[in-house]
Amino acid sequence: MPRRLLPLYLLAGGYAFLLLLPLLVLLSASFRPPEELFRPGLWPQGATLEAYRLALTAYPLGRYLLNSLLVAGATTLLVLLTSLPAGYALAHLPFRGQSLFLGLAVAFLLIPGEITFLPLYLLVDRLGGLDTYWALVVPFAASPLGVFLLRQHLKALPQDYFDAARIDGAGHLAILRHLVFPLSAPVLSALAALTFIGSWNMYLWPLVVVQSKEMMTVQLGINFILNEQDAVARWNVVAAAAFLTLLPSLVVFLLAQRALVRGVTLGGLKG
C-alpha cells in the first residue's frame, strides 16, 4: 500500500467504525444478562444466548419475521415482473404518450410515498383489504425507480441485438425472455435488493393497514415488544429481537452489494 494513501485508509476505516458502532453496541447488548446491560465496554463479561431464546419464545417474533418475509418477497417479485416489461416498452416500443409516461415515472420518484397513504388507505378500506397480505403488497407492486432504471439500461443496449432477434422471428415475449432478461440480470439484482430491503424495513404503511397481532410485520413487532410493560427490564431481549430483524436485510445487502453498484451504474448510462 502506498504510504501517501495511508491517511485516506485510516480516515475510511475510522468512518466505517463509526457507522458500525451502533450495530456493535446492539449486538453486545443482545448477549448481556440484564444486570450487565449498563456496564461500560462493548464486550459482555457473562455472554449468554438467553435474550435470543426469550425473543423467540416469549413473543411471536417468528410469526412477525415470516410475515415480513412473505410481504418483502412478494413485493420484490411483483416489482420485477412489472418493471421489466414496462422498461422494455418505454425503451423500444414507440407509442403515443411515451414521453408522458416516462415523465410520470420520474415525477413519482420526487413525490414522498407518505403523501399517497391517505388515498391508498381509503381505497384499501373500500375494497375490504385492511389487515390482509395483499394490502401490504399490492400498493407497492410497481416501482417508478425500477421502471426508470430498466428503461435507461435497455435504452443503452445496441439496437442491433433487437433487430437481429426480430429478423429471427422473435416476438416481444421471446425478446423479453431470451434477450432482455439475461442482459438485465445485474439491474434486476440491484432492483430486487433495493426493493426487498425497502419493503422489509417499511413501518408506516403496515402501521396504517394492520389491525391484528397475527398480521404484524417484524417492524411493528419490535414496536409491540418495546411497548410491553417489562420492556425496560428486558432491553437485552429487545436488542436480540432487533438484531434478528436486521439480519435478513443485512444478508441481502452483503450478497447483492456488487450487483447494487453495477446495476445502478448500468441503469444510468443513457437518457
C-alpha atoms as a PDB file:
ATOM      1  CA  MET A   1       0.000   0.000   0.000  1.00  0.00           C
ATOM      2  CA  PRO A   2       1.480   3.385  -0.988  1.00  0.00           C
ATOM      3  CA  ARG A   3       2.360   5.478   2.065  1.00  0.00           C
ATOM      4  CA  ARG A   4       0.604   8.523   0.636  1.00  0.00           C
ATOM      5  CA  LEU A   5      -2.699   6.613   0.723  1.00  0.00           C
ATOM      6  CA  LEU A   6      -2.346   5.626   4.388  1.00  0.00           C
ATOM      7  CA  PRO A   7      -4.206   8.716   5.740  1.00  0.00           C
ATOM      8  CA  LEU A   8      -7.106   8.008   3.378  1.00  0.00           C
ATOM      9  CA  TYR A   9      -7.319   4.388   4.520  1.00  0.00           C
ATOM     10  CA  LEU A  10      -7.204   5.450   8.161  1.00  0.00           C
ATOM     11  CA  LEU A  11      -9.937   8.019   7.553  1.00  0.00           C
ATOM     12  CA  ALA A  12     -12.093   5.470   5.726  1.00  0.00           C
ATOM     13  CA  GLY A  13     -11.507   2.900   8.476  1.00  0.00           C
ATOM     14  CA  GLY A  14     -12.467   5.372  11.189  1.00  0.00           C
ATOM     15  CA  TYR A  15     -15.609   6.367   9.312  1.00  0.00           C
ATOM     16  CA  ALA A  16     -16.551   2.701   8.827  1.00  0.00           C
ATOM     17  CA  PHE A  17     -16.058   2.057  12.553  1.00  0.00           C
ATOM     18  CA  LEU A  18     -18.366   4.958  13.441  1.00  0.00           C
ATOM     19  CA  LEU A  19     -21.015   3.551  11.105  1.00  0.00           C
ATOM     20  CA  LEU A  20     -20.696   0.074  12.610  1.00  0.00           C
ATOM     21  CA  LEU A  21     -20.554   1.236  16.237  1.00  0.00           C
ATOM     22  CA  PRO A  22     -24.359   1.291  16.802  1.00  0.00           C
ATOM     23  CA  LEU A  23     -24.581  -2.226  15.366  1.00  0.00           C
ATOM     24  CA  LEU A  24     -21.777  -3.406  17.660  1.00  0.00           C
ATOM     25  CA  VAL A  25     -23.500  -1.856  20.693  1.00  0.00           C
ATOM     26  CA  LEU A  26     -26.770  -3.567  19.706  1.00  0.00           C
ATOM     27  CA  LEU A  27     -25.027  -6.914  19.260  1.00  0.00           C
ATOM     28  CA  SER A  28     -23.219  -6.545  22.582  1.00  0.00           C
ATOM     29  CA  ALA A  29     -26.447  -5.712  24.428  1.00  0.00           C
ATOM     30  CA  SER A  30     -28.170  -8.773  22.972  1.00  0.00           C
ATOM     31  CA  PHE A  31     -25.592 -11.078  24.593  1.00  0.00           C
ATOM     32  CA  ARG A  32     -25.635  -9.399  28.018  1.00  0.00           C
ATOM     33  CA  PRO A  33     -27.659 -10.573  31.004  1.00  0.00           C
ATOM     34  CA  PRO A  34     -29.933  -7.850  32.470  1.00  0.00           C
ATOM     35  CA  GLU A  35     -27.526  -6.972  35.280  1.00  0.00           C
ATOM     36  CA  GLU A  36     -24.759  -6.157  32.757  1.00  0.00           C
ATOM     37  CA  LEU A  37     -26.784  -4.027  30.380  1.00  0.00           C
ATOM     38  CA  PHE A  38     -25.391  -0.691  31.514  1.00  0.00           C
ATOM     39  CA  ARG A  39     -21.858  -1.812  32.298  1.00  0.00           C
ATOM     40  CA  PRO A  40     -19.230   0.133  30.277  1.00  0.00           C
ATOM     41  CA  GLY A  41     -17.460  -1.631  27.443  1.00  0.00           C
ATOM     42  CA  LEU A  42     -18.500  -3.420  24.282  1.00  0.00           C
ATOM     43  CA  TRP A  43     -17.628  -6.998  25.214  1.00  0.00           C
ATOM     44  CA  PRO A  44     -20.058  -8.644  27.698  1.00  0.00           C
ATOM     45  CA  GLN A  45     -18.427 -10.487  30.587  1.00  0.00           C
ATOM     46  CA  GLY A  46     -21.191 -13.047  31.058  1.00  0.00           C
ATOM     47  CA  ALA A  47     -22.210 -13.565  27.429  1.00  0.00           C
ATOM     48  CA  THR A  48     -25.414 -15.595  27.081  1.00  0.00           C
ATOM     49  CA  LEU A  49     -27.978 -16.527  24.409  1.00  0.00           C
ATOM     50  CA  GLU A  50     -30.872 -16.240  26.862  1.00  0.00           C
ATOM     51  CA  ALA A  51     -32.104 -12.990  25.293  1.00  0.00           C
ATOM     52  CA  TYR A  52     -32.436 -14.691  21.897  1.00  0.00           C
ATOM     53  CA  ARG A  53     -34.336 -17.597  23.446  1.00  0.00           C
ATOM     54  CA  LEU A  54     -36.745 -15.199  25.149  1.00  0.00           C
ATOM     55  CA  ALA A  55     -37.173 -13.131  21.983  1.00  0.00           C
ATOM     56  CA  LEU A  56     -38.243 -16.242  20.054  1.00  0.00           C
ATOM     57  CA  THR A  57     -40.374 -17.845  22.787  1.00  0.00           C
ATOM     58  CA  ALA A  58     -41.867 -15.051  24.899  1.00  0.00           C
ATOM     59  CA  TYR A  59     -43.047 -13.146  21.814  1.00  0.00           C
ATOM     60  CA  PRO A  60     -44.349 -14.305  18.393  1.00  0.00           C
ATOM     61  CA  LEU A  61     -41.210 -12.973  16.716  1.00  0.00           C
ATOM     62  CA  GLY A  62     -41.096 -15.945  14.349  1.00  0.00           C
ATOM     63  CA  ARG A  63     -44.555 -15.046  13.022  1.00  0.00           C
ATOM     64  CA  TYR A  64     -43.508 -11.420  12.570  1.00  0.00           C
ATOM     65  CA  LEU A  65     -40.392 -12.494  10.658  1.00  0.00           C
ATOM     66  CA  LEU A  66     -42.454 -14.817   8.454  1.00  0.00           C
ATOM     67  CA  ASN A  67     -44.969 -12.063   7.695  1.00  0.00           C
ATOM     68  CA  SER A  68     -42.195  -9.670   6.701  1.00  0.00           C
ATOM     69  CA  LEU A  69     -40.527 -12.349   4.582  1.00  0.00           C
ATOM     70  CA  LEU A  70     -43.775 -13.063   2.716  1.00  0.00           C
ATOM     71  CA  VAL A  71     -44.526  -9.377   2.176  1.00  0.00           C
ATOM     72  CA  ALA A  72     -40.992  -8.420   1.122  1.00  0.00           C
ATOM     73  CA  GLY A  73     -40.623 -11.478  -1.122  1.00  0.00           C
ATOM     74  CA  ALA A  74     -43.973 -10.982  -2.858  1.00  0.00           C
ATOM     75  CA  THR A  75     -43.379  -7.252  -3.300  1.00  0.00           C
ATOM     76  CA  THR A  76     -39.934  -7.866  -4.790  1.00  0.00           C
ATOM     77  CA  LEU A  77     -41.266 -10.469  -7.234  1.00  0.00           C
ATOM     78  CA  LEU A  78     -44.117  -8.225  -8.392  1.00  0.00           C
ATOM     79  CA  VAL A  79     -41.813  -5.230  -8.820  1.00  0.00           C
ATOM     80  CA  LEU A  80     -39.501  -7.270 -11.059  1.00  0.00           C
ATOM     81  CA  LEU A  81     -42.432  -8.642 -13.076  1.00  0.00           C
ATOM     82  CA  THR A  82     -43.878  -5.171 -13.677  1.00  0.00           C
ATOM     83  CA  SER A  83     -40.678  -3.166 -14.105  1.00  0.00           C
ATOM     84  CA  LEU A  84     -39.050  -5.317 -16.795  1.00  0.00           C
ATOM     85  CA  PRO A  85     -41.838  -5.176 -19.424  1.00  0.00           C
ATOM     86  CA  ALA A  86     -42.581  -1.531 -18.585  1.00  0.00           C
ATOM     87  CA  GLY A  87     -38.930  -0.568 -19.006  1.00  0.00           C
ATOM     88  CA  TYR A  88     -38.765  -2.517 -22.280  1.00  0.00           C
ATOM     89  CA  ALA A  89     -41.885  -0.798 -23.614  1.00  0.00           C
ATOM     90  CA  LEU A  90     -40.576   2.670 -22.756  1.00  0.00           C
ATOM     91  CA  ALA A  91     -37.192   1.903 -24.322  1.00  0.00           C
ATOM     92  CA  HIS A  92     -38.075   0.019 -27.520  1.00  0.00           C
ATOM     93  CA  LEU A  93     -41.799   0.229 -28.253  1.00  0.00           C
ATOM     94  CA  PRO A  94     -42.665   3.702 -29.565  1.00  0.00           C
ATOM     95  CA  PHE A  95     -46.257   4.648 -28.746  1.00  0.00           C
ATOM     96  CA  ARG A  96     -48.268   7.799 -28.278  1.00  0.00           C
ATOM     97  CA  GLY A  97     -47.687   9.324 -24.863  1.00  0.00           C
ATOM     98  CA  GLN A  98     -44.401   7.508 -24.278  1.00  0.00           C
ATOM     99  CA  SER A  99     -42.640  10.659 -23.096  1.00  0.00           C
ATOM    100  CA  LEU A 100     -45.562  11.414 -20.790  1.00  0.00           C
ATOM    101  CA  PHE A 101     -45.341   8.005 -19.134  1.00  0.00           C
ATOM    102  CA  LEU A 102     -41.591   8.368 -18.702  1.00  0.00           C
ATOM    103  CA  GLY A 103     -42.074  11.830 -17.220  1.00  0.00           C
ATOM    104  CA  LEU A 104     -44.671  10.475 -14.794  1.00  0.00           C
ATOM    105  CA  ALA A 105     -42.278   7.726 -13.694  1.00  0.00           C
ATOM    106  CA  VAL A 106     -39.595  10.312 -12.974  1.00  0.00           C
ATOM    107  CA  ALA A 107     -42.112  12.616 -11.269  1.00  0.00           C
ATOM    108  CA  PHE A 108     -43.270   9.841  -8.938  1.00  0.00           C
ATOM    109  CA  LEU A 109     -39.669   9.479  -7.781  1.00  0.00           C
ATOM    110  CA  LEU A 110     -39.865  13.038  -6.456  1.00  0.00           C
ATOM    111  CA  ILE A 111     -43.097  12.520  -4.509  1.00  0.00           C
ATOM    112  CA  PRO A 112     -42.781  11.249  -0.913  1.00  0.00           C
ATOM    113  CA  GLY A 113     -44.644   7.968  -0.618  1.00  0.00           C
ATOM    114  CA  GLU A 114     -46.382   9.086   2.565  1.00  0.00           C
ATOM    115  CA  ILE A 115     -48.439  11.580   0.528  1.00  0.00           C
ATOM    116  CA  THR A 116     -50.265   8.676  -1.137  1.00  0.00           C
ATOM    117  CA  PHE A 117     -51.072   6.837   2.089  1.00  0.00           C
ATOM    118  CA  LEU A 118     -54.431   8.537   2.717  1.00  0.00           C
ATOM    119  CA  PRO A 119     -55.980   7.773  -0.705  1.00  0.00           C
ATOM    120  CA  LEU A 120     -54.422   4.300  -0.630  1.00  0.00           C
ATOM    121  CA  TYR A 121     -55.912   3.639   2.793  1.00  0.00           C
ATOM    122  CA  LEU A 122     -59.370   4.776   1.660  1.00  0.00           C
ATOM    123  CA  LEU A 123     -59.146   2.558  -1.429  1.00  0.00           C
ATOM    124  CA  VAL A 124     -57.973  -0.489   0.525  1.00  0.00           C
ATOM    125  CA  ASP A 125     -60.686   0.087   3.128  1.00  0.00           C
ATOM    126  CA  ARG A 126     -63.434   0.259   0.485  1.00  0.00           C
ATOM    127  CA  LEU A 127     -62.163  -2.957  -1.080  1.00  0.00           C
ATOM    128  CA  GLY A 128     -62.204  -4.677   2.306  1.00  0.00           C
ATOM    129  CA  GLY A 129     -58.481  -5.293   2.288  1.00  0.00           C
ATOM    130  CA  LEU A 130     -57.434  -3.958   5.680  1.00  0.00           C
ATOM    131  CA  ASP A 131     -55.402  -6.395   7.762  1.00  0.00           C
ATOM    132  CA  THR A 132     -54.572  -8.635   4.770  1.00  0.00           C
ATOM    133  CA  TYR A 133     -51.371  -9.558   2.969  1.00  0.00           C
ATOM    134  CA  TRP A 134     -52.491  -8.025  -0.301  1.00  0.00           C
ATOM    135  CA  ALA A 135     -52.950  -4.643   1.391  1.00  0.00           C
ATOM    136  CA  LEU A 136     -49.267  -4.793   2.348  1.00  0.00           C
ATOM    137  CA  VAL A 137     -48.072  -5.945  -1.093  1.00  0.00           C
ATOM    138  CA  VAL A 138     -50.254  -4.702  -3.958  1.00  0.00           C
ATOM    139  CA  PRO A 139     -49.835  -0.920  -3.383  1.00  0.00           C
ATOM    140  CA  PHE A 140     -46.090  -1.375  -3.939  1.00  0.00           C
ATOM    141  CA  ALA A 141     -46.234  -3.889  -6.810  1.00  0.00           C
ATOM    142  CA  ALA A 142     -44.946  -1.293  -9.289  1.00  0.00           C
ATOM    143  CA  SER A 143     -41.792   0.742  -8.801  1.00  0.00           C
ATOM    144  CA  PRO A 144     -41.111   4.012 -10.664  1.00  0.00           C
ATOM    145  CA  LEU A 145     -37.436   3.583  -9.796  1.00  0.00           C
ATOM    146  CA  GLY A 146     -37.433   0.084 -11.276  1.00  0.00           C
ATOM    147  CA  VAL A 147     -39.121   1.230 -14.478  1.00  0.00           C
ATOM    148  CA  PHE A 148     -36.689   4.125 -14.846  1.00  0.00           C
ATOM    149  CA  LEU A 149     -33.563   2.036 -14.179  1.00  0.00           C
ATOM    150  CA  LEU A 150     -34.579  -0.687 -16.624  1.00  0.00           C
ATOM    151  CA  ARG A 151     -35.627   1.806 -19.279  1.00  0.00           C
ATOM    152  CA  GLN A 152     -32.245   3.519 -19.029  1.00  0.00           C
ATOM    153  CA  HIS A 153     -30.402   0.194 -19.139  1.00  0.00           C
ATOM    154  CA  LEU A 154     -32.343  -1.179 -22.114  1.00  0.00           C
ATOM    155  CA  LYS A 155     -32.040   2.108 -23.984  1.00  0.00           C
ATOM    156  CA  ALA A 156     -28.255   1.806 -23.714  1.00  0.00           C
ATOM    157  CA  LEU A 157     -28.145  -1.661 -25.305  1.00  0.00           C
ATOM    158  CA  PRO A 158     -27.209  -1.810 -29.024  1.00  0.00           C
ATOM    159  CA  GLN A 159     -30.270  -1.729 -31.253  1.00  0.00           C
ATOM    160  CA  ASP A 160     -28.655  -4.456 -33.382  1.00  0.00           C
ATOM    161  CA  TYR A 161     -29.494  -7.023 -30.691  1.00  0.00           C
ATOM    162  CA  PHE A 162     -33.199  -6.327 -31.009  1.00  0.00           C
ATOM    163  CA  ASP A 163     -33.136  -6.081 -34.804  1.00  0.00           C
ATOM    164  CA  ALA A 164     -31.397  -9.463 -35.042  1.00  0.00           C
ATOM    165  CA  ALA A 165     -33.974 -11.033 -32.741  1.00  0.00           C
ATOM    166  CA  ARG A 166     -36.848  -9.680 -34.837  1.00  0.00           C
ATOM    167  CA  ILE A 167     -35.210 -10.917 -38.049  1.00  0.00           C
ATOM    168  CA  ASP A 168     -35.088 -14.389 -36.468  1.00  0.00           C
ATOM    169  CA  GLY A 169     -38.834 -14.149 -35.907  1.00  0.00           C
ATOM    170  CA  ALA A 170     -38.826 -13.435 -32.174  1.00  0.00           C
ATOM    171  CA  GLY A 171     -41.845 -11.633 -30.776  1.00  0.00           C
ATOM    172  CA  HIS A 172     -41.871  -9.294 -27.826  1.00  0.00           C
ATOM    173  CA  LEU A 173     -42.337 -12.080 -25.273  1.00  0.00           C
ATOM    174  CA  ALA A 174     -39.461 -14.077 -26.763  1.00  0.00           C
ATOM    175  CA  ILE A 175     -37.256 -10.982 -26.777  1.00  0.00           C
ATOM    176  CA  LEU A 176     -38.123 -10.320 -23.143  1.00  0.00           C
ATOM    177  CA  ARG A 177     -37.383 -13.895 -22.124  1.00  0.00           C
ATOM    178  CA  HIS A 178     -34.284 -14.718 -24.161  1.00  0.00           C
ATOM    179  CA  LEU A 179     -32.646 -11.314 -24.674  1.00  0.00           C
ATOM    180  CA  VAL A 180     -33.836  -8.635 -22.280  1.00  0.00           C
ATOM    181  CA  PHE A 181     -33.969 -10.785 -19.141  1.00  0.00           C
ATOM    182  CA  PRO A 182     -30.401 -12.204 -19.381  1.00  0.00           C
ATOM    183  CA  LEU A 183     -28.899  -8.839 -20.317  1.00  0.00           C
ATOM    184  CA  SER A 184     -30.748  -7.113 -17.471  1.00  0.00           C
ATOM    185  CA  ALA A 185     -29.663  -9.522 -14.723  1.00  0.00           C
ATOM    186  CA  PRO A 186     -27.356  -7.007 -12.936  1.00  0.00           C
ATOM    187  CA  VAL A 187     -30.019  -4.291 -12.905  1.00  0.00           C
ATOM    188  CA  LEU A 188     -32.705  -6.762 -11.817  1.00  0.00           C
ATOM    189  CA  SER A 189     -30.465  -7.993  -8.994  1.00  0.00           C
ATOM    190  CA  ALA A 190     -29.883  -4.444  -7.784  1.00  0.00           C
ATOM    191  CA  LEU A 191     -33.585  -3.638  -8.035  1.00  0.00           C
ATOM    192  CA  ALA A 192     -34.501  -6.825  -6.160  1.00  0.00           C
ATOM    193  CA  ALA A 193     -32.101  -5.980  -3.326  1.00  0.00           C
ATOM    194  CA  LEU A 194     -33.332  -2.386  -3.033  1.00  0.00           C
ATOM    195  CA  THR A 195     -36.976  -3.458  -3.119  1.00  0.00           C
ATOM    196  CA  PHE A 196     -36.549  -6.261  -0.592  1.00  0.00           C
ATOM    197  CA  ILE A 197     -34.665  -4.074   1.891  1.00  0.00           C
ATOM    198  CA  GLY A 198     -37.135  -1.207   1.465  1.00  0.00           C
ATOM    199  CA  SER A 199     -40.143  -3.488   1.942  1.00  0.00           C
ATOM    200  CA  TRP A 200     -38.552  -5.292   4.889  1.00  0.00           C
ATOM    201  CA  ASN A 201     -37.844  -2.028   6.709  1.00  0.00           C
ATOM    202  CA  MET A 202     -41.221  -0.420   5.979  1.00  0.00           C
ATOM    203  CA  TYR A 203     -43.000   0.675   9.136  1.00  0.00           C
ATOM    204  CA  LEU A 204     -45.544   3.423   8.480  1.00  0.00           C
ATOM    205  CA  TRP A 205     -47.762   1.712   5.874  1.00  0.00           C
ATOM    206  CA  PRO A 206     -48.088  -1.557   7.857  1.00  0.00           C
ATOM    207  CA  LEU A 207     -48.906   0.567  10.909  1.00  0.00           C
ATOM    208  CA  VAL A 208     -51.794   2.081   8.924  1.00  0.00           C
ATOM    209  CA  VAL A 209     -53.376  -1.095   7.498  1.00  0.00           C
ATOM    210  CA  VAL A 210     -52.515  -3.828  10.019  1.00  0.00           C
ATOM    211  CA  GLN A 211     -55.070  -4.281  12.787  1.00  0.00           C
ATOM    212  CA  SER A 212     -54.177  -7.606  14.432  1.00  0.00           C
ATOM    213  CA  LYS A 213     -51.084  -9.096  16.051  1.00  0.00           C
ATOM    214  CA  GLU A 214     -51.195 -12.038  13.624  1.00  0.00           C
ATOM    215  CA  MET A 215     -50.623  -9.748  10.612  1.00  0.00           C
ATOM    216  CA  MET A 216     -47.876  -7.623  12.165  1.00  0.00           C
ATOM    217  CA  THR A 217     -44.652  -7.321  10.228  1.00  0.00           C
ATOM    218  CA  VAL A 218     -41.403  -7.532  12.131  1.00  0.00           C
ATOM    219  CA  GLN A 219     -41.025  -3.743  12.375  1.00  0.00           C
ATOM    220  CA  LEU A 220     -44.413  -3.490  14.068  1.00  0.00           C
ATOM    221  CA  GLY A 221     -43.483  -6.486  16.189  1.00  0.00           C
ATOM    222  CA  ILE A 222     -40.403  -4.728  17.551  1.00  0.00           C
ATOM    223  CA  ASN A 223     -42.566  -1.739  18.441  1.00  0.00           C
ATOM    224  CA  PHE A 224     -45.025  -4.098  20.156  1.00  0.00           C
ATOM    225  CA  ILE A 225     -42.191  -5.608  22.219  1.00  0.00           C
ATOM    226  CA  LEU A 226     -40.961  -2.121  23.152  1.00  0.00           C
ATOM    227  CA  ASN A 227     -44.423  -1.193  24.423  1.00  0.00           C
ATOM    228  CA  GLU A 228     -44.637  -4.196  26.731  1.00  0.00           C
ATOM    229  CA  GLN A 229     -44.667  -3.318  30.431  1.00  0.00           C
ATOM    230  CA  ASP A 230     -41.455  -5.200  31.186  1.00  0.00           C
ATOM    231  CA  ALA A 231     -39.544  -3.998  28.113  1.00  0.00           C
ATOM    232  CA  VAL A 232     -37.382  -1.626  30.159  1.00  0.00           C
ATOM    233  CA  ALA A 233     -36.162  -4.558  32.239  1.00  0.00           C
ATOM    234  CA  ARG A 234     -35.581  -6.609  29.072  1.00  0.00           C
ATOM    235  CA  TRP A 235     -33.507  -4.338  26.891  1.00  0.00           C
ATOM    236  CA  ASN A 236     -31.309  -7.308  26.066  1.00  0.00           C
ATOM    237  CA  VAL A 237     -34.351  -9.115  24.653  1.00  0.00           C
ATOM    238  CA  VAL A 238     -35.300  -6.039  22.644  1.00  0.00           C
ATOM    239  CA  ALA A 239     -31.729  -5.836  21.331  1.00  0.00           C
ATOM    240  CA  ALA A 240     -31.778  -9.528  20.383  1.00  0.00           C
ATOM    241  CA  ALA A 241     -35.087  -9.128  18.549  1.00  0.00           C
ATOM    242  CA  ALA A 242     -33.801  -6.021  16.769  1.00  0.00           C
ATOM    243  CA  PHE A 243     -30.622  -7.811  15.688  1.00  0.00           C
ATOM    244  CA  LEU A 244     -32.610 -10.780  14.345  1.00  0.00           C
ATOM    245  CA  THR A 245     -34.764  -8.282  12.471  1.00  0.00           C
ATOM    246  CA  LEU A 246     -31.701  -6.663  10.962  1.00  0.00           C
ATOM    247  CA  LEU A 247     -30.078  -9.900   9.759  1.00  0.00           C
ATOM    248  CA  PRO A 248     -32.156 -10.621   6.598  1.00  0.00           C
ATOM    249  CA  SER A 249     -31.720  -7.160   5.096  1.00  0.00           C
ATOM    250  CA  LEU A 250     -28.034  -7.174   6.076  1.00  0.00           C
ATOM    251  CA  VAL A 251     -27.502 -10.547   4.371  1.00  0.00           C
ATOM    252  CA  VAL A 252     -29.321  -9.375   1.233  1.00  0.00           C
ATOM    253  CA  PHE A 253     -27.188  -6.240   1.103  1.00  0.00           C
ATOM    254  CA  LEU A 254     -23.917  -8.122   1.571  1.00  0.00           C
ATOM    255  CA  LEU A 255     -24.829 -10.668  -1.107  1.00  0.00           C
ATOM    256  CA  ALA A 256     -26.000  -8.025  -3.563  1.00  0.00           C
ATOM    257  CA  GLN A 257     -23.558  -5.167  -2.948  1.00  0.00           C
ATOM    258  CA  ARG A 258     -21.675  -5.764  -6.207  1.00  0.00           C
ATOM    259  CA  ALA A 259     -24.925  -6.059  -8.131  1.00  0.00           C
ATOM    260  CA  LEU A 260     -26.153  -2.857  -6.481  1.00  0.00           C
ATOM    261  CA  VAL A 261     -23.166  -0.842  -7.681  1.00  0.00           C
ATOM    262  CA  ARG A 262     -23.088  -2.394 -11.148  1.00  0.00           C
ATOM    263  CA  GLY A 263     -26.854  -2.363 -11.620  1.00  0.00           C
ATOM    264  CA  VAL A 264     -27.357   1.265 -10.638  1.00  0.00           C
ATOM    265  CA  THR A 265     -24.391   2.242 -12.848  1.00  0.00           C
ATOM    266  CA  LEU A 266     -25.784   0.351 -15.844  1.00  0.00           C
ATOM    267  CA  GLY A 267     -29.237   1.782 -15.207  1.00  0.00           C
ATOM    268  CA  GLY A 268     -27.998   5.357 -15.581  1.00  0.00           C
ATOM    269  CA  LEU A 269     -25.866   5.110 -18.704  1.00  0.00           C
ATOM    270  CA  LYS A 270     -28.140   6.683 -21.282  1.00  0.00           C
ATOM    271  CA  GLY A 271     -31.078   9.058 -21.397  1.00  0.00           C
END
